[in-house]
Amino acid sequence: VVVCLGGGTVAVQAMGASIKGRGAFVHALSFACSKQRRQWVVDGGTSEGPDGAMAMLNSLEHIGRRLVDTVLPLRCLSCGVIVEEIGALCPGCWPDLELVSAPCCACCGLPFGHAEGPGALCGGCLAHPPAFDLARSALRYNDMAAKLIIGFKRSDKLHHLAAFTQWLERAGESLIGGADMICPVPFHPTRLWRRRFNQSALLANALAKRTGKPAVPDLLIRRR
């Protein structure tokens, strides 16, 4: 079982099955999930011995981080006002972000307006069963999601990665636990040369570190 990131979904599929998006919904709900800001712990004690030396290093790193935050404060991913945590949205921007959650289609993850019961499928999946076994998306593609995603993909705003990874983990929680590996959807070499990086690969690596699952960036090959 593989968790595959890219094309707007987190999808679990049987090996060998192709992944296909379902219209604007799947294409839109792309990135999601993030790493909590690292908190440095300042231990008491002296600088003598390994434990004391480690405490001293932790203290210096803590001081260094505080200095960096003072000079370059953490800012809202959308509007740029100062926030408390890395990869955060301010209270004014957060309501514009629409996270996808249950109730939703048991296959493609399309959100329902009300509970339909366990295993309920949307009309699209009933009429045309998709090639994948299961897909989940983190965000509904609205103006706020578009701003964050396009900034990450095309404007090198890699500091968005922390938030996207956190949202991805939340959306794919029920899938990731049973997965053997995480792989990104690859770029064609020409597109990769133009873009300079594959955002799906960055997300896959970050999600793998967070969940303990191995990331396999070269599992898939794009032919065109």
Protein backbone atom coordinates (compact mmCIF):
# COMPACT_ATOMS: atom_id res chain seq x y z
CA VAL A 1 0.00 0.00 0.00
CA VAL A 2 1.35 3.42 -0.99
CA VAL A 3 0.39 6.89 0.12
CA CYS A 4 0.90 9.09 -2.93
CA LEU A 5 1.13 12.88 -2.75
CA GLY A 6 0.35 15.07 -5.72
CA GLY A 7 -2.34 16.23 -8.10
CA GLY A 8 -4.44 17.62 -5.27
CA THR A 9 -4.92 14.48 -3.17
CA VAL A 10 -3.46 12.16 -0.58
CA ALA A 11 -4.42 8.78 -1.99
CA VAL A 12 -3.88 5.22 -0.87
CA GLN A 13 -3.86 2.77 -3.74
CA ALA A 14 -3.00 -0.82 -4.49
CA MET A 15 0.38 -1.19 -6.16
CA GLY A 16 0.07 -0.82 -9.91
CA ALA A 17 -3.21 1.14 -9.91
CA SER A 18 -3.19 4.51 -11.58
CA ILE A 19 -4.18 7.71 -9.81
CA LYS A 20 -6.67 10.00 -11.49
CA GLY A 21 -8.19 13.20 -10.19
CA ARG A 22 -11.92 13.78 -10.10
CA GLY A 23 -12.58 17.19 -11.59
CA ALA A 24 -11.96 20.49 -9.90
CA PHE A 25 -12.55 19.16 -6.38
CA VAL A 26 -9.65 16.72 -6.29
CA HIS A 27 -7.39 19.04 -8.28
CA ALA A 28 -8.17 21.85 -5.90
CA LEU A 29 -7.68 20.14 -2.57
CA SER A 30 -4.00 19.71 -2.72
CA PHE A 31 -1.71 20.46 0.11
CA ALA A 32 -2.25 20.12 3.74
CA CYS A 33 -0.30 19.35 7.00
CA SER A 34 2.53 20.61 9.13
CA LYS A 35 5.34 20.30 11.58
CA GLN A 36 4.91 21.85 14.99
CA ARG A 37 7.37 24.57 15.78
CA ARG A 38 10.34 23.10 17.56
CA GLN A 39 10.55 24.07 21.22
CA TRP A 40 13.98 24.18 22.77
CA VAL A 41 14.17 22.87 26.34
CA VAL A 42 16.70 24.60 28.58
CA ASP A 43 17.87 22.09 31.16
CA GLY A 44 19.38 23.09 34.44
CA GLY A 45 22.83 21.98 35.49
CA THR A 46 26.42 22.85 34.84
CA SER A 47 28.47 22.72 31.66
CA GLU A 48 30.56 19.85 33.02
CA GLY A 49 30.23 16.43 31.38
CA PRO A 50 28.11 15.34 28.38
CA ASP A 51 24.81 16.27 30.02
CA GLY A 52 26.06 19.71 30.98
CA ALA A 53 27.48 20.30 27.51
CA MET A 54 24.20 19.31 25.91
CA ALA A 55 22.31 21.64 28.26
CA MET A 56 24.67 24.43 27.29
CA LEU A 57 24.12 23.77 23.57
CA ASN A 58 20.36 23.72 24.08
CA SER A 59 20.55 27.02 25.92
CA LEU A 60 22.62 28.62 23.15
CA GLU A 61 20.23 27.32 20.49
CA HIS A 62 17.29 28.65 22.46
CA ILE A 63 18.89 32.07 22.74
CA GLY A 64 19.79 32.02 19.04
CA ARG A 65 16.21 31.15 18.08
CA ARG A 66 14.83 33.96 20.23
CA LEU A 67 17.22 36.42 18.57
CA VAL A 68 16.17 35.25 15.10
CA ASP A 69 12.49 35.55 16.04
CA THR A 70 13.14 39.09 17.26
CA VAL A 71 14.93 40.17 14.09
CA LEU A 72 12.78 38.08 11.71
CA PRO A 73 9.45 37.50 13.49
CA LEU A 74 7.14 34.71 12.40
CA ARG A 75 4.41 35.98 10.12
CA CYS A 76 0.99 34.85 8.93
CA LEU A 77 1.26 32.78 5.75
CA SER A 78 -1.40 34.89 4.08
CA CYS A 79 -1.34 38.53 5.22
CA GLY A 80 2.07 38.75 6.88
CA VAL A 81 1.10 39.97 10.36
CA ILE A 82 3.19 38.65 13.24
CA VAL A 83 2.06 35.28 14.68
CA GLU A 84 3.26 33.03 17.48
CA GLU A 85 4.06 29.83 15.56
CA ILE A 86 5.78 28.92 12.32
CA GLY A 87 3.41 28.00 9.51
CA ALA A 88 0.41 29.68 11.13
CA LEU A 89 -2.43 31.86 9.94
CA CYS A 90 -3.57 34.87 11.93
CA PRO A 91 -7.08 34.94 13.48
CA GLY A 92 -8.25 37.18 10.65
CA CYS A 93 -7.16 34.81 7.87
CA TRP A 94 -7.89 31.44 9.49
CA PRO A 95 -11.70 31.53 8.94
CA ASP A 96 -11.11 31.81 5.18
CA LEU A 97 -9.37 28.41 5.13
CA GLU A 98 -11.78 25.50 4.60
CA LEU A 99 -10.38 22.24 5.94
CA VAL A 100 -12.07 19.10 4.63
CA SER A 101 -13.34 16.65 7.25
CA ALA A 102 -16.03 14.04 7.79
CA PRO A 103 -18.70 13.38 6.71
CA CYS A 104 -17.32 12.67 3.26
CA CYS A 105 -17.34 10.10 0.48
CA ALA A 106 -15.72 6.87 1.67
CA CYS A 107 -13.75 6.64 -1.58
CA CYS A 108 -12.74 10.04 -2.98
CA GLY A 109 -13.27 12.12 0.17
CA LEU A 110 -15.78 14.56 -1.35
CA PRO A 111 -17.37 16.29 1.66
CA PHE A 112 -21.08 15.76 2.32
CA GLY A 113 -23.41 18.40 3.70
CA HIS A 114 -24.68 15.93 6.30
CA ALA A 115 -23.87 12.43 7.53
CA GLU A 116 -24.72 9.70 5.00
CA GLY A 117 -23.75 6.68 7.06
CA PRO A 118 -20.62 4.49 7.07
CA GLY A 119 -19.21 3.65 3.65
CA ALA A 120 -21.44 6.11 1.77
CA LEU A 121 -20.21 7.01 -1.71
CA CYS A 122 -20.77 10.19 -3.69
CA GLY A 123 -22.64 10.16 -6.98
CA GLY A 124 -19.45 10.43 -9.00
CA CYS A 125 -17.86 7.36 -7.41
CA LEU A 126 -21.07 5.36 -7.79
CA ALA A 127 -21.43 6.25 -11.47
CA HIS A 128 -17.76 5.95 -12.38
CA PRO A 129 -15.69 4.05 -9.78
CA PRO A 130 -12.22 5.63 -9.73
CA ALA A 131 -8.97 3.77 -10.36
CA PHE A 132 -7.66 4.49 -6.86
CA ASP A 133 -8.84 2.73 -3.72
CA LEU A 134 -9.02 5.73 -1.43
CA ALA A 135 -8.27 9.46 -1.59
CA ARG A 136 -8.39 12.25 0.95
CA SER A 137 -7.88 15.98 0.52
CA ALA A 138 -7.09 18.56 3.14
CA LEU A 139 -8.44 21.81 1.75
CA ARG A 140 -11.35 22.99 -0.31
CA TYR A 141 -9.89 25.06 -3.13
CA ASN A 142 -11.06 28.60 -2.43
CA ASP A 143 -9.25 31.93 -2.74
CA MET A 144 -7.26 31.43 0.46
CA ALA A 145 -6.13 27.91 -0.48
CA ALA A 146 -5.17 29.09 -3.97
CA LYS A 147 -3.06 31.92 -2.54
CA LEU A 148 -1.15 29.60 -0.22
CA ILE A 149 -0.68 26.79 -2.73
CA ILE A 150 0.38 28.98 -5.65
CA GLY A 151 2.80 30.83 -3.39
CA PHE A 152 4.38 27.51 -2.42
CA LYS A 153 4.51 26.12 -5.95
CA ARG A 154 5.50 29.17 -7.97
CA SER A 155 6.90 31.80 -5.59
CA ASP A 156 9.32 29.65 -3.58
CA LYS A 157 7.46 30.18 -0.30
CA LEU A 158 8.86 27.00 1.17
CA HIS A 159 8.03 28.13 4.70
CA HIS A 160 4.45 27.05 3.85
CA LEU A 161 5.68 23.45 4.00
CA ALA A 162 5.21 23.18 7.76
CA ALA A 163 1.52 24.05 7.61
CA PHE A 164 0.84 21.90 4.56
CA THR A 165 2.47 18.88 6.19
CA GLN A 166 0.35 19.27 9.32
CA TRP A 167 -2.85 19.54 7.30
CA LEU A 168 -1.88 16.57 5.13
CA GLU A 169 -1.30 14.40 8.18
CA ARG A 170 -4.68 15.39 9.57
CA ALA A 171 -6.46 14.64 6.31
CA GLY A 172 -4.73 11.31 5.73
CA GLU A 173 -4.60 10.07 9.31
CA SER A 174 -6.73 7.00 8.62
CA LEU A 175 -4.70 6.15 5.49
CA ILE A 176 -1.13 6.71 6.58
CA GLY A 177 -1.21 4.26 9.48
CA GLY A 178 -1.62 1.27 7.17
CA ALA A 179 0.68 2.53 4.43
CA ASP A 180 4.06 0.96 3.68
CA MET A 181 5.59 4.04 2.12
CA ILE A 182 4.95 7.57 0.94
CA CYS A 183 5.80 8.64 -2.60
CA PRO A 184 5.38 11.90 -4.52
CA VAL A 185 3.93 12.21 -8.01
CA PRO A 186 7.00 13.09 -10.11
CA PHE A 187 7.51 15.95 -12.55
CA HIS A 188 8.57 15.49 -16.12
CA PRO A 189 12.31 16.40 -16.27
CA THR A 190 11.58 19.45 -18.40
CA ARG A 191 9.02 20.77 -15.96
CA LEU A 192 11.28 20.03 -13.02
CA TRP A 193 14.05 22.05 -14.67
CA ARG A 194 11.68 25.01 -15.06
CA ARG A 195 10.20 24.75 -11.56
CA ARG A 196 13.55 23.87 -9.88
CA PHE A 197 11.88 21.65 -7.29
CA ASN A 198 9.00 19.20 -6.99
CA GLN A 199 6.66 20.43 -4.26
CA SER A 200 5.13 16.94 -3.93
CA ALA A 201 8.57 15.52 -3.11
CA LEU A 202 9.09 18.15 -0.41
CA LEU A 203 5.71 17.30 1.08
CA ALA A 204 6.37 13.55 0.92
CA ASN A 205 9.72 13.90 2.71
CA ALA A 206 8.28 16.17 5.39
CA LEU A 207 5.28 13.88 5.94
CA ALA A 208 7.57 10.82 6.11
CA LYS A 209 9.67 12.45 8.84
CA ARG A 210 6.56 13.35 10.79
CA THR A 211 4.89 9.93 10.56
CA GLY A 212 7.91 7.61 10.52
CA LYS A 213 6.95 6.12 7.15
CA PRO A 214 9.70 5.79 4.49
CA ALA A 215 9.61 8.24 1.60
CA VAL A 216 10.40 6.77 -1.83
CA PRO A 217 10.80 9.71 -4.24
CA ASP A 218 11.73 7.61 -7.28
CA LEU A 219 8.98 4.97 -7.06
CA LEU A 220 6.99 6.51 -9.94
CA ILE A 221 8.21 7.65 -13.35
CA ARG A 222 6.42 10.30 -15.40
CA ARG A 223 6.41 9.37 -19.08
CA ARG A 224 5.01 12.65 -20.42
